[in-house]
Amino acid sequence: MVSIVIQTSFLGDMVLTTPLIAALAERGPVDVVATPASAGLLANNPSVRAVILYDKRRASRGVRGFGRVLHELRKRRADAIYLAQGSVRSAALAFAAGVHRRVGFRTSAGRPLYSQTVPYRRDLHHAARLWQLATPERDPAPGEIRPRLYPGAAERAAVDGLLGPAHDPRPLVALAPGSVWATKRWPYYKELARAAAADARLAVLGSADDRALAEEILAASSHGGVNAAGRLSLLASAELIGRAALLVTNDSAPQHLASAMDTPTVAIFGPTVPEFGFGPLAPHSIVVGHAALDCRPCDRHGPPACPLGHWKCMRELTADDVSARVRHLLSTPTPHP
């Protein structure tokens, strides 16, 4: 049985789609339709036969771009397409490919073009929801929904070059201060770096846009650290996170990289909540959030600005709050290297 998975949403969604891909690979070859941004996350994945690029904002825009991707899909002669991303455009692509079995969520915009719909279980983690596209008749076991990424030699070499010789005896703590959603960015990473630097070697991750912020965070620490922002691919960032004793992150893609690499995580949730289904899955992880605020959650992603103007969900989560969780994880023996 040949399966195609269409996932053209956010980076974290692709990571959380890997359990679905692994489940389908037990039945036969799996090809994945991905954006150029997320395609690299699937490198070396033994469950993926091929990646079909769908650059919906550039090369695959318009009728010609749609036609090129459609031609690739038809060549696969798939038995089923699984719509992990539920837009009308993705559904139209699956329908036009002539694949008779098209499976997606009952709540998706593209559902009129599906041949089979699956309930969108709001009580499940999103990795479990996606996994149920292939196996809707039962709930998954915890091990079945653990995301997996596979950094290779190139990624290991990139991280080796960035970290340098391993002479520092302090545990490596990774910080991921960025997010595409402004209100998800916890504002006290500099204060956290100042508090944690004596006990940990710090590495700050992110995109090239986060590089200046990373420099400010490391400058606040008297012990310095590694600025990895904009210097590593996503898969190499996963490799770096995999070497860390723990990760501190907002509700953003690095959290899901840590879940795939089994790295304990302190996940900071402001306008969103883990009950949406996007919390950390790595063992020993801790979620930090302002439980006393009636206005939480205010958005499924994170609005550009606080609707009430006070942003208490982040401002009132202090560096001391997060530092205490970091110290707790660093002092707790875990099987993580």
Protein backbone atom coordinates (compact mmCIF):
# COMPACT_ATOMS: atom_id res chain seq x y z
CA MET A 1 0.00 0.00 0.00
CA VAL A 2 1.44 3.36 -1.07
CA SER A 3 0.47 6.35 1.07
CA ILE A 4 0.93 10.08 0.60
CA VAL A 5 0.84 12.49 3.54
CA ILE A 6 0.20 16.18 2.84
CA GLN A 7 1.59 18.45 5.56
CA THR A 8 2.24 22.05 4.50
CA SER A 9 1.53 23.79 7.80
CA PHE A 10 3.95 25.05 10.47
CA LEU A 11 7.32 23.48 11.28
CA GLY A 12 6.09 22.03 14.54
CA ASP A 13 3.19 20.38 12.75
CA MET A 14 5.61 18.51 10.52
CA VAL A 15 7.48 17.20 13.55
CA LEU A 16 4.19 16.07 15.09
CA THR A 17 3.27 14.33 11.81
CA THR A 18 6.22 11.93 12.05
CA PRO A 19 4.29 9.39 14.21
CA LEU A 20 1.58 9.22 11.54
CA ILE A 21 4.26 8.71 8.88
CA ALA A 22 5.85 5.93 10.93
CA ALA A 23 2.50 4.19 11.39
CA LEU A 24 1.76 4.31 7.67
CA ALA A 25 5.25 3.06 6.82
CA GLU A 26 4.39 -0.22 8.53
CA ARG A 27 1.85 -0.74 5.72
CA GLY A 28 4.00 0.30 2.78
CA PRO A 29 5.95 3.18 1.18
CA VAL A 30 5.14 6.72 2.32
CA ASP A 31 5.75 9.91 0.35
CA VAL A 32 5.27 13.31 1.99
CA VAL A 33 4.19 16.62 0.48
CA ALA A 34 6.06 19.34 2.40
CA THR A 35 7.04 22.97 2.14
CA PRO A 36 10.71 23.79 1.45
CA ALA A 37 10.96 25.11 5.02
CA SER A 38 9.91 21.82 6.65
CA ALA A 39 11.22 19.29 4.11
CA GLY A 40 14.65 19.17 5.75
CA LEU A 41 13.10 17.82 8.94
CA LEU A 42 12.40 14.55 7.10
CA ALA A 43 15.99 13.92 6.00
CA ASN A 44 17.28 10.47 6.95
CA ASN A 45 13.83 9.42 8.15
CA PRO A 46 13.57 5.68 7.47
CA SER A 47 9.78 5.90 7.21
CA VAL A 48 9.85 8.38 4.29
CA ARG A 49 10.40 7.13 0.75
CA ALA A 50 10.38 10.55 -0.90
CA VAL A 51 9.54 14.19 -0.22
CA ILE A 52 7.51 16.18 -2.74
CA LEU A 53 8.13 19.90 -2.41
CA TYR A 54 5.09 22.17 -2.48
CA ASP A 55 6.38 25.74 -2.42
CA LYS A 56 2.91 27.24 -2.28
CA ARG A 57 4.16 30.82 -1.84
CA ARG A 58 6.77 30.81 -4.64
CA ALA A 59 7.62 28.09 -7.17
CA SER A 60 4.31 26.23 -6.78
CA ARG A 61 2.06 29.27 -6.83
CA GLY A 62 -0.74 29.51 -9.34
CA VAL A 63 -2.11 27.01 -11.82
CA ARG A 64 1.27 25.94 -13.23
CA GLY A 65 2.77 25.29 -9.81
CA PHE A 66 -0.31 23.36 -8.74
CA GLY A 67 -0.05 21.32 -11.93
CA ARG A 68 3.60 20.42 -11.33
CA VAL A 69 2.86 19.08 -7.84
CA LEU A 70 -0.23 17.29 -9.15
CA HIS A 71 1.90 15.57 -11.79
CA GLU A 72 4.24 14.31 -9.05
CA LEU A 73 1.34 12.96 -7.04
CA ARG A 74 -0.17 11.11 -9.97
CA LYS A 75 3.16 9.41 -10.68
CA ARG A 76 3.08 7.84 -7.22
CA ARG A 77 -0.07 5.80 -7.92
CA ALA A 78 -0.97 6.06 -4.26
CA ASP A 79 -3.65 3.97 -2.57
CA ALA A 80 -4.48 6.71 -0.05
CA ILE A 81 -3.74 10.35 0.74
CA TYR A 82 -3.78 11.58 4.33
CA LEU A 83 -4.51 15.28 4.78
CA ALA A 84 -2.52 16.26 7.86
CA GLN A 85 -3.04 19.86 6.75
CA GLY A 86 -6.68 20.58 6.03
CA SER A 87 -6.86 23.53 3.63
CA VAL A 88 -9.09 23.56 0.57
CA ARG A 89 -6.00 23.83 -1.64
CA SER A 90 -4.50 20.63 -0.18
CA ALA A 91 -7.83 18.86 -0.51
CA ALA A 92 -8.15 19.98 -4.14
CA LEU A 93 -4.67 18.63 -4.81
CA ALA A 94 -5.59 15.24 -3.36
CA PHE A 95 -8.88 15.15 -5.24
CA ALA A 96 -7.33 16.14 -8.58
CA ALA A 97 -4.66 13.45 -8.14
CA GLY A 98 -7.40 10.87 -8.62
CA VAL A 99 -6.65 8.97 -5.40
CA HIS A 100 -9.90 7.39 -4.29
CA ARG A 101 -9.10 7.27 -0.56
CA ARG A 102 -8.61 10.77 0.82
CA VAL A 103 -8.60 10.94 4.62
CA GLY A 104 -8.79 14.11 6.70
CA PHE A 105 -10.34 15.69 9.75
CA ARG A 106 -14.07 16.22 10.00
CA THR A 107 -13.48 19.87 10.96
CA SER A 108 -11.12 20.78 8.08
CA ALA A 109 -12.01 23.38 5.48
CA GLY A 110 -11.26 20.86 2.74
CA ARG A 111 -13.56 18.13 4.08
CA PRO A 112 -16.10 18.26 1.18
CA LEU A 113 -13.36 16.81 -1.02
CA TYR A 114 -12.43 13.95 1.33
CA SER A 115 -13.66 10.41 0.90
CA GLN A 116 -13.29 9.65 4.61
CA THR A 117 -13.34 11.96 7.63
CA VAL A 118 -11.93 11.35 11.10
CA PRO A 119 -13.02 13.19 14.28
CA TYR A 120 -10.74 15.99 15.41
CA ARG A 121 -10.27 14.96 19.04
CA ARG A 122 -9.69 18.10 21.09
CA ASP A 123 -8.93 15.94 24.12
CA LEU A 124 -5.82 14.47 22.47
CA HIS A 125 -2.35 15.80 21.78
CA HIS A 126 -2.04 16.89 18.16
CA ALA A 127 0.47 14.10 17.46
CA ALA A 128 -2.23 11.65 18.57
CA ARG A 129 -4.88 13.38 16.47
CA LEU A 130 -2.69 13.12 13.39
CA TRP A 131 -1.83 9.48 14.17
CA GLN A 132 -5.55 8.70 14.25
CA LEU A 133 -5.89 9.67 10.60
CA ALA A 134 -4.36 6.24 9.93
CA THR A 135 -5.89 4.40 12.90
CA PRO A 136 -9.12 6.11 13.98
CA GLU A 137 -10.55 3.04 15.70
CA ARG A 138 -8.37 3.33 18.83
CA ASP A 139 -6.34 5.73 20.94
CA PRO A 140 -2.57 5.44 20.54
CA ALA A 141 -0.17 4.27 23.23
CA PRO A 142 2.28 6.98 24.41
CA GLY A 143 5.17 5.41 22.51
CA GLU A 144 3.20 5.49 19.25
CA ILE A 145 2.92 9.28 19.22
CA ARG A 146 6.48 10.21 20.09
CA PRO A 147 7.88 12.32 17.23
CA ARG A 148 11.19 11.24 15.72
CA LEU A 149 13.88 13.17 13.83
CA TYR A 150 17.10 11.74 12.43
CA PRO A 151 20.09 14.13 12.33
CA GLY A 152 22.90 12.71 10.24
CA ALA A 153 26.64 13.16 9.91
CA ALA A 154 26.33 16.65 8.44
CA GLU A 155 24.21 17.83 11.34
CA ARG A 156 26.53 16.27 13.92
CA ALA A 157 29.53 17.92 12.28
CA ALA A 158 27.81 21.31 12.25
CA VAL A 159 27.04 21.08 15.97
CA ASP A 160 30.56 19.82 16.76
CA GLY A 161 31.98 22.85 14.99
CA LEU A 162 29.69 25.23 16.85
CA LEU A 163 30.19 23.80 20.34
CA GLY A 164 33.92 23.21 20.02
CA PRO A 165 35.91 20.89 22.29
CA ALA A 166 33.89 19.48 25.20
CA HIS A 167 36.03 20.89 28.04
CA ASP A 168 33.22 22.61 29.93
CA PRO A 169 31.91 20.30 32.68
CA ARG A 170 28.67 22.24 33.11
CA PRO A 171 25.49 20.77 31.58
CA LEU A 172 24.40 22.29 28.29
CA VAL A 173 21.13 24.24 28.53
CA ALA A 174 19.49 25.35 25.28
CA LEU A 175 17.33 28.48 25.12
CA ALA A 176 14.85 29.18 22.32
CA PRO A 177 13.49 32.72 22.82
CA GLY A 178 11.85 33.24 19.43
CA SER A 179 8.39 32.74 17.97
CA VAL A 180 6.60 34.01 14.89
CA TRP A 181 3.79 35.02 17.27
CA ALA A 182 4.83 38.13 19.23
CA THR A 183 2.78 37.45 22.36
CA LYS A 184 4.34 33.98 22.74
CA ARG A 185 7.82 35.45 23.32
CA TRP A 186 8.59 35.34 27.03
CA PRO A 187 10.46 38.60 27.81
CA TYR A 188 12.90 37.43 30.51
CA TYR A 189 15.43 35.21 28.77
CA LYS A 190 18.24 37.66 29.59
CA GLU A 191 17.42 37.45 33.29
CA LEU A 192 17.20 33.67 33.04
CA ALA A 193 20.61 33.52 31.35
CA ARG A 194 22.10 35.63 34.12
CA ALA A 195 20.68 33.28 36.76
CA ALA A 196 21.55 30.02 35.00
CA ALA A 197 25.01 30.74 33.62
CA ALA A 198 26.94 29.78 36.74
CA ASP A 199 25.52 26.26 36.68
CA ALA A 200 25.09 25.64 32.94
CA ARG A 201 26.67 26.25 29.57
CA LEU A 202 24.16 28.15 27.47
CA ALA A 203 23.29 27.80 23.79
CA VAL A 204 20.70 30.07 22.21
CA LEU A 205 18.77 28.74 19.22
CA GLY A 206 16.61 30.41 16.64
CA SER A 207 16.41 31.82 13.15
CA ALA A 208 18.66 34.49 11.68
CA ASP A 209 16.06 37.04 12.84
CA ASP A 210 16.75 35.96 16.44
CA ARG A 211 20.51 36.46 16.23
CA ALA A 212 20.63 39.94 17.77
CA LEU A 213 18.33 38.85 20.60
CA ALA A 214 20.54 35.81 21.20
CA GLU A 215 23.58 38.09 21.49
CA GLU A 216 21.75 40.22 24.07
CA ILE A 217 20.80 37.12 26.07
CA LEU A 218 24.35 35.79 26.11
CA ALA A 219 25.76 39.24 26.91
CA ALA A 220 23.61 39.25 30.05
CA SER A 221 25.48 36.17 31.23
CA SER A 222 28.92 36.70 32.71
CA HIS A 223 29.94 33.27 31.40
CA GLY A 224 29.00 33.74 27.73
CA GLY A 225 27.72 30.84 25.65
CA VAL A 226 27.00 29.72 22.09
CA ASN A 227 24.90 31.77 19.70
CA ALA A 228 23.41 29.21 17.33
CA ALA A 229 20.66 31.49 15.99
CA GLY A 230 20.66 31.42 12.20
CA ARG A 231 23.73 29.17 12.10
CA LEU A 232 22.13 25.73 12.02
CA SER A 233 19.56 23.97 9.88
CA LEU A 234 16.41 22.76 11.61
CA LEU A 235 17.75 19.22 11.75
CA ALA A 236 21.08 20.43 13.13
CA SER A 237 19.16 22.48 15.70
CA ALA A 238 17.45 19.24 16.70
CA GLU A 239 20.90 17.65 17.07
CA LEU A 240 22.01 20.49 19.35
CA ILE A 241 18.83 20.20 21.42
CA GLY A 242 19.41 16.45 21.61
CA ARG A 243 22.79 17.09 23.26
CA ALA A 244 21.35 19.52 25.82
CA ALA A 245 20.44 18.55 29.36
CA LEU A 246 17.26 20.56 28.87
CA LEU A 247 15.60 23.17 26.67
CA VAL A 248 13.78 26.33 27.75
CA THR A 249 11.39 27.47 25.03
CA ASN A 250 8.21 29.30 24.24
CA ASP A 251 5.24 27.47 22.71
CA SER A 252 7.03 27.19 19.37
CA ALA A 253 8.79 24.76 17.03
CA PRO A 254 11.88 24.07 19.21
CA GLN A 255 9.59 22.52 21.81
CA HIS A 256 8.60 19.87 19.25
CA LEU A 257 12.22 19.36 18.19
CA ALA A 258 12.95 18.57 21.85
CA SER A 259 10.05 16.12 21.96
CA ALA A 260 11.57 14.31 19.00
CA MET A 261 15.02 14.23 20.62
CA ASP A 262 13.87 13.17 24.12
CA THR A 263 15.20 16.37 25.69
CA PRO A 264 13.46 17.49 28.90
CA THR A 265 11.77 20.82 28.30
CA VAL A 266 10.63 23.83 30.29
CA ALA A 267 7.85 25.08 28.00
CA ILE A 268 6.53 28.60 28.64
CA PHE A 269 2.91 29.13 27.62
CA GLY A 270 1.41 32.63 27.63
CA PRO A 271 -1.67 33.33 25.47
CA THR A 272 -1.98 29.65 24.53
CA VAL A 273 -2.35 26.55 26.69
CA PRO A 274 -1.06 22.97 26.28
CA GLU A 275 -4.66 21.75 26.36
CA PHE A 276 -4.84 22.81 22.70
CA GLY A 277 -2.76 19.70 22.07
CA PHE A 278 0.70 21.15 21.48
CA GLY A 279 2.51 20.62 24.77
CA PRO A 280 5.91 18.94 25.21
CA LEU A 281 6.12 15.16 24.86
CA ALA A 282 9.68 14.55 26.08
CA PRO A 283 9.95 12.83 29.47
CA HIS A 284 10.41 15.00 32.58
CA SER A 285 9.15 18.12 30.80
CA ILE A 286 7.52 20.98 32.72
CA VAL A 287 4.92 23.48 31.49
CA VAL A 288 4.99 27.00 32.97
CA GLY A 289 1.86 29.12 32.59
CA HIS A 290 -0.17 31.77 34.43
CA ALA A 291 -3.05 29.58 35.60
CA ALA A 292 -4.79 32.36 37.55
CA LEU A 293 -5.67 34.53 34.54
CA ASP A 294 -9.26 34.27 33.35
CA CYS A 295 -8.30 35.72 29.94
CA ARG A 296 -6.15 32.67 29.07
CA PRO A 297 -6.22 31.30 26.46
CA CYS A 298 -6.99 34.26 24.24
CA ASP A 299 -5.93 32.82 20.88
CA ARG A 300 -5.10 29.46 19.32
CA HIS A 301 -1.76 30.74 18.01
CA GLY A 302 -0.92 33.96 19.83
CA PRO A 303 -2.18 37.40 18.76
CA PRO A 304 0.24 40.12 17.59
CA ALA A 305 -0.54 42.06 20.78
CA CYS A 306 -2.40 41.38 24.01
CA PRO A 307 -6.12 42.05 23.40
CA LEU A 308 -6.40 43.59 26.89
CA GLY A 309 -3.13 45.51 26.72
CA HIS A 310 -1.51 44.09 29.86
CA TRP A 311 0.21 40.89 28.61
CA LYS A 312 0.18 39.54 32.15
CA CYS A 313 0.30 35.96 30.90
CA MET A 314 3.99 36.52 30.09
CA ARG A 315 5.01 39.55 32.13
CA GLU A 316 3.98 37.92 35.40
CA LEU A 317 5.95 34.73 34.72
CA THR A 318 9.22 35.81 36.28
CA ALA A 319 12.77 34.66 35.66
CA ASP A 320 12.75 33.25 39.19
CA ASP A 321 9.72 31.10 38.27
CA VAL A 322 11.50 29.58 35.29
CA SER A 323 14.92 29.38 36.96
CA ALA A 324 13.42 27.25 39.71
CA ARG A 325 12.16 24.76 37.10
CA VAL A 326 15.55 24.72 35.38
CA ARG A 327 17.34 23.99 38.66
CA HIS A 328 14.84 21.25 39.43
CA LEU A 329 15.42 19.49 36.11
CA LEU A 330 19.19 19.87 36.31
CA SER A 331 19.17 18.33 39.79
CA THR A 332 16.91 15.45 38.82
CA PRO A 333 18.76 12.41 37.42
CA THR A 334 17.29 11.36 34.06
CA PRO A 335 18.30 8.78 31.46
CA HIS A 336 18.90 11.64 28.98
CA PRO A 337 22.62 12.00 28.14
